[in-house]
């Protein structure tokens, strides 16, 4: 299975994390997302995002000013159907 790639180079905090979150919500549990960013703050931002959301930050690296983050979407939780913060009716 190939990774989904999200290119957010040139965007500054908080946009890289917000865009990644949107893409992750559309992926199947366990799917992987590779994010390419240039904002130095994205290192701390993605670490905190993954810690807070239960997604796994599998790896990150930097080459020539481009940060690459490999994130695995968290497994679905019991009763999880909609997006985070959505109220079921």
C-alpha atoms as a PDB file:
ATOM      1  CA  UNK A   1       0.000   0.000   0.000  1.00  0.00           C
ATOM      2  CA  UNK A   2       1.373   3.421  -0.879  1.00  0.00           C
ATOM      3  CA  UNK A   3       1.270   6.413   1.426  1.00  0.00           C
ATOM      4  CA  UNK A   4      -0.984   9.364   0.775  1.00  0.00           C
ATOM      5  CA  UNK A   5       1.224  12.451   0.370  1.00  0.00           C
ATOM      6  CA  UNK A   6       0.229  15.934   1.504  1.00  0.00           C
ATOM      7  CA  UNK A   7       2.454  18.792   0.321  1.00  0.00           C
ATOM      8  CA  UNK A   8       2.082  21.811   2.615  1.00  0.00           C
ATOM      9  CA  UNK A   9       5.435  23.398   1.802  1.00  0.00           C
ATOM     10  CA  UNK A  10       5.315  27.168   2.186  1.00  0.00           C
ATOM     11  CA  UNK A  11       2.418  27.117   4.663  1.00  0.00           C
ATOM     12  CA  UNK A  12       2.950  28.302   8.221  1.00  0.00           C
ATOM     13  CA  UNK A  13       1.510  27.192  11.549  1.00  0.00           C
ATOM     14  CA  UNK A  14      -1.252  26.130  12.071  1.00  0.00           C
ATOM     15  CA  UNK A  15      -2.133  25.333   8.435  1.00  0.00           C
ATOM     16  CA  UNK A  16       0.097  22.227   7.969  1.00  0.00           C
ATOM     17  CA  UNK A  17      -1.504  20.464  10.951  1.00  0.00           C
ATOM     18  CA  UNK A  18      -5.020  21.587  10.050  1.00  0.00           C
ATOM     19  CA  UNK A  19      -4.672  20.321   6.478  1.00  0.00           C
ATOM     20  CA  UNK A  20      -3.141  17.036   7.681  1.00  0.00           C
ATOM     21  CA  UNK A  21      -5.996  16.552  10.130  1.00  0.00           C
ATOM     22  CA  UNK A  22      -8.535  17.028   7.331  1.00  0.00           C
ATOM     23  CA  UNK A  23      -6.800  14.430   5.150  1.00  0.00           C
ATOM     24  CA  UNK A  24      -6.373  11.962   8.033  1.00  0.00           C
ATOM     25  CA  UNK A  25     -10.100  12.090   8.835  1.00  0.00           C
ATOM     26  CA  UNK A  26     -10.773  10.858   5.295  1.00  0.00           C
ATOM     27  CA  UNK A  27      -8.348   7.934   5.507  1.00  0.00           C
ATOM     28  CA  UNK A  28      -9.109   4.452   6.767  1.00  0.00           C
ATOM     29  CA  UNK A  29      -7.898   3.573  10.275  1.00  0.00           C
ATOM     30  CA  UNK A  30      -4.282   2.412  10.063  1.00  0.00           C
ATOM     31  CA  UNK A  31      -3.629   4.216   6.756  1.00  0.00           C
ATOM     32  CA  UNK A  32      -0.471   6.300   6.472  1.00  0.00           C
ATOM     33  CA  UNK A  33      -0.037   9.930   5.507  1.00  0.00           C
ATOM     34  CA  UNK A  34       3.277  11.515   4.520  1.00  0.00           C
ATOM     35  CA  UNK A  35       3.345  15.283   5.077  1.00  0.00           C
ATOM     36  CA  UNK A  36       5.968  17.531   3.452  1.00  0.00           C
ATOM     37  CA  UNK A  37       6.402  20.896   5.180  1.00  0.00           C
ATOM     38  CA  UNK A  38       8.907  23.744   5.342  1.00  0.00           C
ATOM     39  CA  UNK A  39       7.793  25.457   8.563  1.00  0.00           C
ATOM     40  CA  UNK A  40      10.298  24.663  11.355  1.00  0.00           C
ATOM     41  CA  UNK A  41       7.495  24.905  13.913  1.00  0.00           C
ATOM     42  CA  UNK A  42       5.828  21.924  12.238  1.00  0.00           C
ATOM     43  CA  UNK A  43       8.189  19.523  14.062  1.00  0.00           C
ATOM     44  CA  UNK A  44       6.774  20.427  17.480  1.00  0.00           C
ATOM     45  CA  UNK A  45       3.289  20.911  16.021  1.00  0.00           C
ATOM     46  CA  UNK A  46       3.075  17.400  14.543  1.00  0.00           C
ATOM     47  CA  UNK A  47       4.534  15.806  17.671  1.00  0.00           C
ATOM     48  CA  UNK A  48       1.872  17.494  19.808  1.00  0.00           C
ATOM     49  CA  UNK A  49      -0.891  16.807  17.273  1.00  0.00           C
ATOM     50  CA  UNK A  50      -0.141  13.079  17.185  1.00  0.00           C
ATOM     51  CA  UNK A  51       0.195  12.845  20.961  1.00  0.00           C
ATOM     52  CA  UNK A  52      -3.134  14.635  21.456  1.00  0.00           C
ATOM     53  CA  UNK A  53      -5.134  12.823  18.764  1.00  0.00           C
ATOM     54  CA  UNK A  54      -3.873   9.253  19.091  1.00  0.00           C
ATOM     55  CA  UNK A  55      -2.401   9.186  15.596  1.00  0.00           C
ATOM     56  CA  UNK A  56       1.115   7.716  15.444  1.00  0.00           C
ATOM     57  CA  UNK A  57       4.074   9.797  14.294  1.00  0.00           C
ATOM     58  CA  UNK A  58       6.095   6.950  12.817  1.00  0.00           C
ATOM     59  CA  UNK A  59       9.035   9.000  11.536  1.00  0.00           C
ATOM     60  CA  UNK A  60      10.168  12.459  10.640  1.00  0.00           C
ATOM     61  CA  UNK A  61      13.216  13.783   8.879  1.00  0.00           C
ATOM     62  CA  UNK A  62      14.589  16.956   7.339  1.00  0.00           C
ATOM     63  CA  UNK A  63      16.433  17.330   4.060  1.00  0.00           C
ATOM     64  CA  UNK A  64      17.319  20.637   2.400  1.00  0.00           C
ATOM     65  CA  UNK A  65      14.803  22.544   4.532  1.00  0.00           C
ATOM     66  CA  UNK A  66      11.896  20.179   3.839  1.00  0.00           C
ATOM     67  CA  UNK A  67      10.471  18.240   6.780  1.00  0.00           C
ATOM     68  CA  UNK A  68       8.875  14.876   6.087  1.00  0.00           C
ATOM     69  CA  UNK A  69       6.438  13.377   8.604  1.00  0.00           C
ATOM     70  CA  UNK A  70       5.012   9.870   8.366  1.00  0.00           C
ATOM     71  CA  UNK A  71       1.769   9.586  10.321  1.00  0.00           C
ATOM     72  CA  UNK A  72      -0.417   6.501  10.788  1.00  0.00           C
ATOM     73  CA  UNK A  73      -4.102   7.228  11.351  1.00  0.00           C
ATOM     74  CA  UNK A  74      -5.300   5.963  14.686  1.00  0.00           C
ATOM     75  CA  UNK A  75      -7.425   2.836  14.877  1.00  0.00           C
ATOM     76  CA  UNK A  76     -11.119   3.585  15.003  1.00  0.00           C
ATOM     77  CA  UNK A  77     -12.531   3.897  18.480  1.00  0.00           C
ATOM     78  CA  UNK A  78     -15.657   2.035  19.650  1.00  0.00           C
ATOM     79  CA  UNK A  79     -18.696   4.056  18.659  1.00  0.00           C
ATOM     80  CA  UNK A  80     -16.698   6.381  16.419  1.00  0.00           C
ATOM     81  CA  UNK A  81     -18.702   7.326  13.351  1.00  0.00           C
ATOM     82  CA  UNK A  82     -18.376  11.010  12.591  1.00  0.00           C
ATOM     83  CA  UNK A  83     -15.657  13.586  12.835  1.00  0.00           C
ATOM     84  CA  UNK A  84     -14.169  14.684  16.132  1.00  0.00           C
ATOM     85  CA  UNK A  85     -16.486  17.098  17.899  1.00  0.00           C
ATOM     86  CA  UNK A  86     -19.531  15.993  15.942  1.00  0.00           C
ATOM     87  CA  UNK A  87     -22.640  15.261  17.974  1.00  0.00           C
ATOM     88  CA  UNK A  88     -24.717  12.254  16.967  1.00  0.00           C
ATOM     89  CA  UNK A  89     -28.451  12.873  16.781  1.00  0.00           C
END
